[in-house]
Amino acid sequence: MLNFEEELKKYKPSLEVEDIEKAVYEEDLTDMTDILREMLDKTK
């Protein structure tokens, strides 16, 4: 049977997760509001 307390002690986050987190924060993400504003500006 699994001992969850022991397994949690062994847990280490993947380096990939940290890399992805950094990339997401550095990326200029466009959201739906930005897209709608751009569309409205083009119709004027």
N, C-alpha and C. Protein backbone atom coordinates (compact mmCIF):
# COMPACT_ATOMS: atom_id res chain seq x y z
N MET A 1 0.85 -1.20 0.00
CA MET A 1 0.00 0.00 0.00
C MET A 1 0.89 1.25 0.00
N LEU A 2 0.41 2.28 -0.66
CA LEU A 2 1.18 3.52 -0.75
C LEU A 2 1.15 4.30 0.55
N ASN A 3 2.29 4.82 0.92
CA ASN A 3 2.38 5.72 2.06
C ASN A 3 2.49 7.13 1.48
N PHE A 4 1.38 7.85 1.49
CA PHE A 4 1.33 9.16 0.85
C PHE A 4 2.29 10.17 1.49
N GLU A 5 2.48 10.08 2.78
CA GLU A 5 3.40 11.00 3.45
C GLU A 5 4.83 10.79 2.93
N GLU A 6 5.24 9.56 2.77
CA GLU A 6 6.57 9.26 2.25
C GLU A 6 6.71 9.70 0.80
N GLU A 7 5.69 9.48 0.01
CA GLU A 7 5.72 9.88 -1.39
C GLU A 7 5.81 11.40 -1.54
N LEU A 8 5.09 12.11 -0.69
CA LEU A 8 5.15 13.58 -0.73
C LEU A 8 6.54 14.10 -0.38
N LYS A 9 7.22 13.43 0.52
CA LYS A 9 8.58 13.84 0.89
C LYS A 9 9.53 13.68 -0.30
N LYS A 10 9.29 12.71 -1.16
CA LYS A 10 10.14 12.44 -2.32
C LYS A 10 9.83 13.37 -3.49
N TYR A 11 8.69 14.02 -3.46
CA TYR A 11 8.24 14.81 -4.60
C TYR A 11 9.16 15.99 -4.88
N LYS A 12 9.53 16.15 -6.15
CA LYS A 12 10.27 17.32 -6.62
C LYS A 12 9.61 17.78 -7.90
N PRO A 13 9.30 19.07 -8.02
CA PRO A 13 8.65 19.55 -9.24
C PRO A 13 9.56 19.37 -10.45
N SER A 14 8.94 19.14 -11.56
CA SER A 14 9.66 18.97 -12.81
C SER A 14 10.28 20.30 -13.23
N LEU A 15 11.48 20.25 -13.76
CA LEU A 15 12.11 21.47 -14.28
C LEU A 15 11.31 22.05 -15.43
N GLU A 16 10.62 21.20 -16.16
CA GLU A 16 9.81 21.68 -17.27
C GLU A 16 8.73 22.64 -16.80
N VAL A 17 8.15 22.36 -15.65
CA VAL A 17 7.10 23.23 -15.11
C VAL A 17 7.67 24.61 -14.83
N GLU A 18 8.84 24.66 -14.24
CA GLU A 18 9.46 25.96 -13.95
C GLU A 18 9.78 26.71 -15.24
N ASP A 19 10.25 25.99 -16.23
CA ASP A 19 10.56 26.62 -17.52
C ASP A 19 9.30 27.17 -18.18
N ILE A 20 8.23 26.40 -18.12
CA ILE A 20 6.97 26.84 -18.71
C ILE A 20 6.44 28.07 -17.98
N GLU A 21 6.52 28.03 -16.66
CA GLU A 21 6.04 29.16 -15.87
C GLU A 21 6.79 30.44 -16.26
N LYS A 22 8.09 30.36 -16.40
CA LYS A 22 8.89 31.52 -16.78
C LYS A 22 8.50 32.02 -18.17
N ALA A 23 8.33 31.09 -19.09
CA ALA A 23 7.97 31.47 -20.46
C ALA A 23 6.60 32.14 -20.51
N VAL A 24 5.66 31.65 -19.74
CA VAL A 24 4.31 32.22 -19.74
C VAL A 24 4.35 33.64 -19.18
N TYR A 25 5.08 33.85 -18.10
CA TYR A 25 5.14 35.19 -17.52
C TYR A 25 5.85 36.19 -18.44
N GLU A 26 6.81 35.72 -19.21
CA GLU A 26 7.54 36.62 -20.10
C GLU A 26 6.81 36.87 -21.41
N GLU A 27 5.87 36.02 -21.76
CA GLU A 27 5.17 36.13 -23.04
C GLU A 27 4.10 37.22 -22.97
N ASP A 28 3.96 37.96 -24.05
CA ASP A 28 2.90 38.96 -24.16
C ASP A 28 1.64 38.24 -24.64
N LEU A 29 0.76 37.92 -23.72
CA LEU A 29 -0.42 37.13 -24.05
C LEU A 29 -1.58 38.04 -24.41
N THR A 30 -2.18 37.78 -25.55
CA THR A 30 -3.34 38.53 -25.99
C THR A 30 -4.58 37.81 -25.50
N ASP A 31 -5.48 38.54 -24.88
CA ASP A 31 -6.72 37.92 -24.43
C ASP A 31 -7.88 38.36 -25.32
N MET A 32 -9.05 37.86 -25.04
CA MET A 32 -10.21 38.13 -25.88
C MET A 32 -10.54 39.62 -25.93
N THR A 33 -10.33 40.33 -24.84
CA THR A 33 -10.61 41.77 -24.81
C THR A 33 -9.71 42.50 -25.80
N ASP A 34 -8.44 42.12 -25.83
CA ASP A 34 -7.51 42.75 -26.78
C ASP A 34 -7.95 42.50 -28.22
N ILE A 35 -8.38 41.30 -28.51
CA ILE A 35 -8.82 40.96 -29.87
C ILE A 35 -10.05 41.76 -30.25
N LEU A 36 -11.01 41.85 -29.34
CA LEU A 36 -12.24 42.61 -29.63
C LEU A 36 -11.93 44.10 -29.84
N ARG A 37 -11.03 44.66 -29.03
CA ARG A 37 -10.67 46.07 -29.20
C ARG A 37 -10.03 46.30 -30.56
N GLU A 38 -9.16 45.38 -30.95
CA GLU A 38 -8.50 45.52 -32.26
C GLU A 38 -9.53 45.43 -33.39
N MET A 39 -10.47 44.55 -33.27
CA MET A 39 -11.52 44.41 -34.30
C MET A 39 -12.37 45.67 -34.37
N LEU A 40 -12.72 46.22 -33.22
CA LEU A 40 -13.52 47.43 -33.20
C LEU A 40 -12.77 48.62 -33.78
N ASP A 41 -11.47 48.70 -33.51
CA ASP A 41 -10.65 49.78 -34.05
C ASP A 41 -10.59 49.71 -35.57
N LYS A 42 -10.57 48.53 -36.11
CA LYS A 42 -10.49 48.36 -37.57
C LYS A 42 -11.80 48.72 -38.26
N THR A 43 -12.92 48.64 -37.54
CA THR A 43 -14.21 48.96 -38.16
C THR A 43 -14.49 50.47 -38.16
N LYS A 44 -13.70 51.22 -37.44
CA LYS A 44 -13.92 52.67 -37.36
C LYS A 44 -13.35 53.39 -38.56
